[in-house]
Amino acid sequence: VIGRFQPVHNGHLALLRRAGELSDKVLAIIGSGCRPRSYKNPWTAQERGVMLMEAMVPLQKETGATYRYESNFDTIYNDAAWASRIQKIVAKQGIPDSEIALVGHVKDSSSFYLKMFPQWKFVEMPLVEPLDATKIRDIYFSENSNLNFVRGVVPDFTFRYLSSFKEKLAYREILEEKQFLQTYKKQFDVLPYPPIFVTSDAVVVQSGHVLMVRRAAQPGRNQWALPGGFVNAASDAAVFDAALRELKEETSIKVPEKVLRGSLSGNRVFDALDRSQRGRTITHAFFFHLTDGEWNLPKVRGSDDAAQAKWIPIGSLDPAEIFEDHFDIISHFLGTME
């Protein structure tokens, strides 16, 4: 059973119960395992694993099957790599030549991943609860939210967990992010079509370090991000110029523009449909590989809308702390995702 489980609800229980009725061994695979907290992904893989294990205890007694979970991280721009990791996780758990079934519910186009494993039998389940995880999050992350409404569609432990999570700072931050996004999107309601935004990001690398900024504002406040921002339609002659401008504005990097231009080593457009919660946002990322210095990295200082600028060792990058798909962008140029 593959899912994001944000949070675990009764529909997930139905999938897991059916899997236990069909099999001796049930494996739940948690998706989006290394994403930073956001309105779309409020809970870590570990937190969702706790919810799952508590929900699985009664199912194990009920069906007699063995239940466990694993997590998988996203590679937004490489579905084949994502599917390969799923296959390896399943192979590690199973017995060679055993029959494997994938149990799931086809909700909409977001369920495309269920069709990526033709080697396994697919057991489709009908809709069990009209309130899916997205709607549960929408109710939960609201001012004066009525948790009693949620109680009927989630397991008891999930309900207790959600009740206690409301008292944490993380809940407040996600609520503020949701409110920001609602206000942000409202300004475009009068347009005949949803807008498409164009941004530009700079991936600057030197001596095994990548230049990052800590975001000062929502969305993704306090998360690490690539220097970048929206293309200025009035003044930026090209998206590359926007990348250079944002790089200098946000980091005050002490490298002449001529050197930066000469250090350009690659570029690519990143346009995943849901890469940004603000709306359809297409970014042009530019890879600058600066010549390794003898001792010191170029001086940087956070400015403009960056609370901090910092050279971070590539091996220390934590995707759970990095904004939107910026870790995927870095991985494209450096191959840091394993």
Protein backbone atom coordinates (compact mmCIF):
# COMPACT_ATOMS: atom_id res chain seq x y z
CA VAL A 1 0.00 0.00 0.00
CA ILE A 2 1.62 3.25 -1.16
CA GLY A 3 0.51 6.65 0.15
CA ARG A 4 1.56 9.91 1.71
CA PHE A 5 -0.69 9.34 4.75
CA GLN A 6 -1.02 13.07 5.48
CA PRO A 7 -2.62 12.14 7.88
CA VAL A 8 -3.60 8.47 8.30
CA HIS A 9 -7.40 8.25 7.90
CA ASN A 10 -10.11 5.60 7.66
CA GLY A 11 -9.71 5.26 3.90
CA HIS A 12 -6.12 4.18 4.48
CA LEU A 13 -7.34 1.69 7.10
CA ALA A 14 -9.66 0.13 4.52
CA LEU A 15 -6.75 -0.33 2.09
CA LEU A 16 -4.55 -1.85 4.79
CA ARG A 17 -7.35 -4.13 6.03
CA ARG A 18 -8.02 -5.41 2.51
CA ALA A 19 -4.30 -6.03 2.01
CA GLY A 20 -4.23 -8.04 5.25
CA GLU A 21 -7.19 -10.12 4.10
CA LEU A 22 -5.35 -10.98 0.88
CA SER A 23 -1.84 -11.52 2.17
CA ASP A 24 0.37 -12.83 4.96
CA LYS A 25 2.52 -9.72 4.85
CA VAL A 26 1.49 -6.08 4.38
CA LEU A 27 3.93 -3.28 3.64
CA ALA A 28 2.87 0.36 3.75
CA ILE A 29 5.24 2.67 1.90
CA ILE A 30 5.19 6.31 3.01
CA GLY A 31 5.79 8.79 0.20
CA SER A 32 7.31 12.27 0.37
CA GLY A 33 9.59 11.00 3.12
CA CYS A 34 12.12 13.84 3.12
CA ARG A 35 10.05 16.95 2.44
CA PRO A 36 10.08 20.03 4.70
CA ARG A 37 6.95 20.80 6.69
CA SER A 38 4.34 22.63 4.66
CA TYR A 39 0.58 22.85 4.37
CA LYS A 40 0.72 20.00 1.83
CA ASN A 41 3.19 17.91 3.87
CA PRO A 42 2.64 18.82 7.54
CA TRP A 43 4.03 15.66 9.15
CA THR A 44 7.42 13.98 8.82
CA ALA A 45 7.79 10.39 7.66
CA GLN A 46 8.63 9.39 11.21
CA GLU A 47 5.47 11.02 12.58
CA ARG A 48 3.34 9.36 9.93
CA GLY A 49 5.07 6.07 10.69
CA VAL A 50 3.96 6.35 14.30
CA MET A 51 0.38 6.99 13.17
CA LEU A 52 0.55 3.98 10.85
CA MET A 53 1.98 1.59 13.43
CA GLU A 54 -0.74 2.49 15.92
CA ALA A 55 -3.40 1.97 13.24
CA MET A 56 -1.87 -1.36 12.21
CA VAL A 57 -1.92 -2.98 15.66
CA PRO A 58 -5.67 -3.79 15.64
CA LEU A 59 -5.52 -4.73 11.94
CA GLN A 60 -2.77 -7.23 12.65
CA LYS A 61 -4.95 -8.92 15.27
CA GLU A 62 -7.99 -8.77 13.02
CA THR A 63 -6.45 -10.20 9.83
CA GLY A 64 -3.54 -12.25 11.18
CA ALA A 65 -1.17 -10.62 8.68
CA THR A 66 2.17 -9.05 9.57
CA TYR A 67 2.22 -5.28 9.09
CA ARG A 68 5.16 -2.92 8.76
CA TYR A 69 6.10 0.31 6.99
CA GLU A 70 9.00 1.86 5.08
CA SER A 71 9.43 5.36 3.67
CA ASN A 72 10.50 6.58 0.25
CA PHE A 73 11.64 10.05 -0.75
CA ASP A 74 10.47 11.91 -3.83
CA THR A 75 12.47 12.54 -6.95
CA ILE A 76 10.06 14.93 -8.60
CA TYR A 77 11.83 14.99 -11.96
CA ASN A 78 12.69 11.30 -12.15
CA ASP A 79 9.69 8.97 -11.79
CA ALA A 80 11.79 5.98 -12.87
CA ALA A 81 14.18 6.48 -9.93
CA TRP A 82 11.22 6.77 -7.55
CA ALA A 83 9.66 3.56 -8.89
CA SER A 84 13.01 1.77 -8.73
CA ARG A 85 13.31 2.56 -5.03
CA ILE A 86 9.79 1.23 -4.44
CA GLN A 87 10.74 -2.01 -6.20
CA LYS A 88 13.89 -2.36 -4.08
CA ILE A 89 11.96 -1.74 -0.85
CA VAL A 90 9.42 -4.42 -1.78
CA ALA A 91 12.10 -6.88 -2.91
CA LYS A 92 13.90 -6.45 0.40
CA GLN A 93 10.75 -7.43 2.30
CA GLY A 94 9.43 -10.26 0.21
CA ILE A 95 10.27 -13.87 -0.57
CA PRO A 96 11.60 -14.52 -4.10
CA ASP A 97 8.87 -15.55 -6.53
CA SER A 98 6.11 -14.65 -4.05
CA GLU A 99 2.93 -13.11 -5.43
CA ILE A 100 2.73 -9.36 -4.86
CA ALA A 101 -0.35 -7.16 -5.03
CA LEU A 102 -0.61 -3.39 -4.97
CA VAL A 103 -3.76 -2.28 -3.14
CA GLY A 104 -4.98 1.24 -3.84
CA HIS A 105 -7.75 3.65 -4.77
CA VAL A 106 -7.62 5.62 -8.02
CA LYS A 107 -8.72 9.07 -6.87
CA ASP A 108 -7.66 11.31 -9.77
CA SER A 109 -4.64 12.09 -11.94
CA SER A 110 -2.48 12.21 -8.79
CA SER A 111 -2.92 8.41 -8.57
CA PHE A 112 -0.84 7.86 -11.74
CA TYR A 113 1.86 6.07 -9.74
CA LEU A 114 -0.46 3.09 -9.22
CA LYS A 115 0.00 2.23 -12.90
CA MET A 116 3.80 2.19 -12.72
CA PHE A 117 4.09 -1.41 -11.50
CA PRO A 118 2.59 -3.74 -14.15
CA GLN A 119 4.53 -6.69 -12.69
CA TRP A 120 2.24 -6.66 -9.65
CA LYS A 121 -1.44 -7.45 -9.46
CA PHE A 122 -3.47 -4.29 -8.83
CA VAL A 123 -6.35 -4.55 -6.38
CA GLU A 124 -8.51 -1.47 -6.72
CA MET A 125 -10.56 -0.34 -3.75
CA PRO A 126 -13.67 1.86 -3.94
CA LEU A 127 -13.95 5.21 -2.19
CA VAL A 128 -14.56 4.53 1.50
CA GLU A 129 -14.65 8.02 3.00
CA PRO A 130 -15.79 11.16 1.15
CA LEU A 131 -13.33 13.14 3.30
CA ASP A 132 -9.83 12.54 1.90
CA ALA A 133 -6.51 13.69 3.39
CA THR A 134 -6.58 17.00 1.51
CA LYS A 135 -10.00 17.90 2.90
CA ILE A 136 -8.99 16.75 6.39
CA ARG A 137 -5.96 19.07 6.29
CA ASP A 138 -8.14 21.91 5.05
CA ILE A 139 -10.47 21.52 8.03
CA TYR A 140 -7.68 20.87 10.52
CA PHE A 141 -5.52 23.85 9.56
CA SER A 142 -8.21 26.47 10.12
CA GLU A 143 -8.78 29.02 12.85
CA ASN A 144 -11.08 27.50 15.49
CA SER A 145 -11.12 24.22 13.57
CA ASN A 146 -13.72 21.70 14.71
CA LEU A 147 -11.79 18.52 15.47
CA ASN A 148 -15.01 16.67 16.28
CA PHE A 149 -15.75 16.68 12.56
CA VAL A 150 -12.39 15.03 11.92
CA ARG A 151 -12.87 12.47 14.71
CA GLY A 152 -15.25 10.36 12.63
CA VAL A 153 -12.89 9.90 9.67
CA VAL A 154 -9.55 9.08 11.34
CA PRO A 155 -8.38 6.31 13.71
CA ASP A 156 -8.41 7.09 17.44
CA PHE A 157 -4.64 7.44 17.70
CA THR A 158 -4.52 9.80 14.71
CA PHE A 159 -7.19 11.92 16.36
CA ARG A 160 -5.21 12.08 19.60
CA TYR A 161 -2.06 12.92 17.68
CA LEU A 162 -3.79 15.70 15.75
CA SER A 163 -5.19 17.10 19.00
CA SER A 164 -1.74 17.29 20.60
CA PHE A 165 -0.07 18.60 17.43
CA LYS A 166 -2.37 21.64 17.51
CA GLU A 167 -0.48 22.83 20.59
CA LYS A 168 2.89 22.83 18.85
CA LEU A 169 4.66 25.73 17.16
CA ALA A 170 4.79 23.75 13.92
CA TYR A 171 0.98 23.78 13.74
CA ARG A 172 0.89 27.57 14.07
CA GLU A 173 3.54 28.01 11.39
CA ILE A 174 1.67 25.79 8.93
CA LEU A 175 -1.59 27.61 9.68
CA GLU A 176 0.13 30.94 8.98
CA GLU A 177 1.52 29.55 5.73
CA LYS A 178 -1.94 28.40 4.65
CA GLN A 179 -3.43 31.82 5.44
CA PHE A 180 -0.65 33.51 3.48
CA LEU A 181 -1.28 31.27 0.45
CA GLN A 182 -5.02 31.93 0.54
CA THR A 183 -4.46 35.70 0.62
CA TYR A 184 -1.78 35.47 -2.06
CA LYS A 185 -3.99 33.53 -4.46
CA LYS A 186 -7.04 35.69 -3.84
CA GLN A 187 -5.45 38.63 -5.68
CA PHE A 188 -5.64 36.63 -8.92
CA ASP A 189 -9.30 35.62 -8.59
CA VAL A 190 -10.38 38.30 -11.09
CA LEU A 191 -8.20 36.89 -13.86
CA PRO A 192 -9.93 34.78 -16.55
CA TYR A 193 -7.23 32.09 -16.29
CA PRO A 194 -4.94 30.96 -13.49
CA PRO A 195 -1.63 32.83 -13.80
CA ILE A 196 1.70 31.19 -14.61
CA PHE A 197 4.69 32.66 -12.79
CA VAL A 198 8.25 32.71 -14.09
CA THR A 199 11.15 32.60 -11.66
CA SER A 200 14.90 32.19 -11.88
CA ASP A 201 17.25 30.41 -9.45
CA ALA A 202 21.03 30.25 -9.10
CA VAL A 203 22.88 27.06 -8.12
CA VAL A 204 26.32 28.33 -7.13
CA VAL A 205 28.96 25.75 -6.19
CA GLN A 206 32.54 26.08 -5.08
CA SER A 207 34.91 23.70 -3.28
CA GLY A 208 32.22 21.16 -2.41
CA HIS A 209 29.80 23.80 -1.06
CA VAL A 210 26.54 25.19 -2.44
CA LEU A 211 25.32 28.72 -1.74
CA MET A 212 21.93 28.78 0.02
CA VAL A 213 19.74 31.43 1.65
CA ARG A 214 17.39 31.08 4.59
CA ARG A 215 13.95 32.41 3.67
CA ALA A 216 12.68 35.29 5.77
CA ALA A 217 9.05 35.18 4.65
CA GLN A 218 6.22 32.81 3.86
CA PRO A 219 5.88 30.39 2.23
CA GLY A 220 8.69 28.25 3.58
CA ARG A 221 9.87 30.74 6.18
CA ASN A 222 13.19 29.67 7.76
CA GLN A 223 13.77 26.96 5.16
CA TRP A 224 16.92 26.89 3.07
CA ALA A 225 16.50 27.83 -0.58
CA LEU A 226 18.47 28.66 -3.68
CA PRO A 227 19.02 32.37 -4.31
CA GLY A 228 16.34 33.40 -6.77
CA GLY A 229 12.98 34.98 -7.33
CA PHE A 230 10.46 36.27 -9.82
CA VAL A 231 11.57 37.63 -13.18
CA ASN A 232 10.99 41.39 -13.33
CA ALA A 233 8.96 41.86 -16.51
CA ALA A 234 9.92 45.52 -16.75
CA SER A 235 13.66 45.43 -16.15
CA ASP A 236 15.13 41.93 -16.57
CA ALA A 237 16.31 41.55 -20.16
CA ALA A 238 16.39 37.76 -19.80
CA VAL A 239 15.78 35.10 -17.16
CA PHE A 240 19.57 34.74 -16.84
CA ASP A 241 19.78 38.41 -15.90
CA ALA A 242 17.07 37.80 -13.30
CA ALA A 243 19.14 34.99 -11.80
CA LEU A 244 22.21 37.22 -11.53
CA ARG A 245 20.19 40.08 -10.05
CA GLU A 246 18.51 37.89 -7.41
CA LEU A 247 21.82 36.21 -6.59
CA LYS A 248 23.50 39.53 -5.86
CA GLU A 249 20.47 41.01 -4.07
CA GLU A 250 19.99 38.05 -1.72
CA THR A 251 23.60 37.07 -1.00
CA SER A 252 25.77 40.14 -1.76
CA ILE A 253 28.28 37.60 -3.08
CA LYS A 254 31.77 39.07 -3.45
CA VAL A 255 32.37 37.78 -6.98
CA PRO A 256 32.49 40.10 -10.02
CA GLU A 257 29.59 39.69 -12.44
CA LYS A 258 32.04 38.97 -15.26
CA VAL A 259 33.38 35.98 -13.29
CA LEU A 260 29.86 34.74 -12.55
CA ARG A 261 28.91 34.92 -16.20
CA GLY A 262 32.06 33.04 -17.15
CA SER A 263 31.33 30.35 -14.54
CA LEU A 264 27.97 29.33 -16.02
CA SER A 265 28.11 25.55 -16.49
CA GLY A 266 24.53 24.61 -17.28
CA ASN A 267 20.88 25.47 -17.05
CA ARG A 268 17.50 23.79 -17.10
CA VAL A 269 13.79 24.60 -16.77
CA PHE A 270 12.00 22.99 -13.81
CA ASP A 271 8.23 22.98 -14.26
CA ALA A 272 6.60 20.22 -12.19
CA LEU A 273 2.88 20.93 -11.88
CA ASP A 274 2.83 21.14 -8.07
CA ARG A 275 6.38 22.34 -7.45
CA SER A 276 5.09 25.50 -5.73
CA GLN A 277 2.08 25.96 -3.47
CA ARG A 278 1.72 29.57 -4.69
CA GLY A 279 0.45 28.40 -8.08
CA ARG A 280 1.91 27.21 -11.37
CA THR A 281 5.49 28.43 -11.19
CA ILE A 282 8.11 27.65 -13.82
CA THR A 283 11.70 28.29 -12.83
CA HIS A 284 14.85 28.57 -14.90
CA ALA A 285 17.82 27.34 -12.86
CA PHE A 286 21.39 28.32 -13.74
CA PHE A 287 24.41 26.36 -12.53
CA PHE A 288 27.51 28.39 -11.66
CA HIS A 289 30.63 26.32 -10.89
CA LEU A 290 33.17 28.71 -9.43
CA THR A 291 36.86 27.81 -9.60
CA ASP A 292 37.99 26.32 -6.31
CA GLY A 293 39.78 28.86 -4.13
CA GLU A 294 42.94 28.17 -2.17
CA TRP A 295 41.34 28.52 1.26
CA ASN A 296 38.30 30.76 1.54
CA LEU A 297 34.87 30.74 -0.04
CA PRO A 298 33.61 34.09 -1.37
CA LYS A 299 32.04 36.25 1.33
CA VAL A 300 28.24 36.34 1.37
CA ARG A 301 25.64 38.14 3.45
CA GLY A 302 21.88 37.67 3.57
CA SER A 303 19.94 40.67 2.29
CA ASP A 304 16.73 41.65 0.51
CA ASP A 305 14.21 38.87 1.45
CA ALA A 306 16.90 36.42 2.65
CA ALA A 307 17.42 36.23 6.40
CA GLN A 308 20.80 34.56 5.95
CA ALA A 309 23.18 33.50 3.18
CA LYS A 310 25.53 30.59 3.77
CA TRP A 311 27.85 28.17 2.00
CA ILE A 312 26.64 24.68 2.96
CA PRO A 313 28.74 21.54 2.41
CA ILE A 314 27.03 19.45 -0.26
CA GLY A 315 27.20 16.36 1.94
CA SER A 316 25.34 18.18 4.72
CA LEU A 317 22.29 19.14 2.65
CA ASP A 318 19.09 17.93 4.30
CA PRO A 319 16.10 17.77 1.92
CA ALA A 320 13.76 18.02 4.92
CA GLU A 321 15.01 21.58 5.46
CA ILE A 322 15.06 22.75 1.84
CA PHE A 323 12.28 24.77 0.19
CA GLU A 324 9.95 23.29 -2.44
CA ASP A 325 11.91 21.34 -5.10
CA HIS A 326 15.25 23.11 -4.62
CA PHE A 327 16.95 19.92 -3.41
CA ASP A 328 15.81 18.22 -6.62
CA ILE A 329 17.24 21.11 -8.64
CA ILE A 330 20.59 20.83 -6.86
CA SER A 331 20.53 17.06 -7.34
CA HIS A 332 20.01 17.49 -11.07
CA PHE A 333 23.23 19.44 -11.42
CA LEU A 334 25.30 17.64 -8.78
CA GLY A 335 23.77 14.17 -8.49
CA THR A 336 23.47 14.46 -4.70
CA MET A 337 20.26 12.42 -4.42
CA GLU A 338 20.99 8.74 -3.74
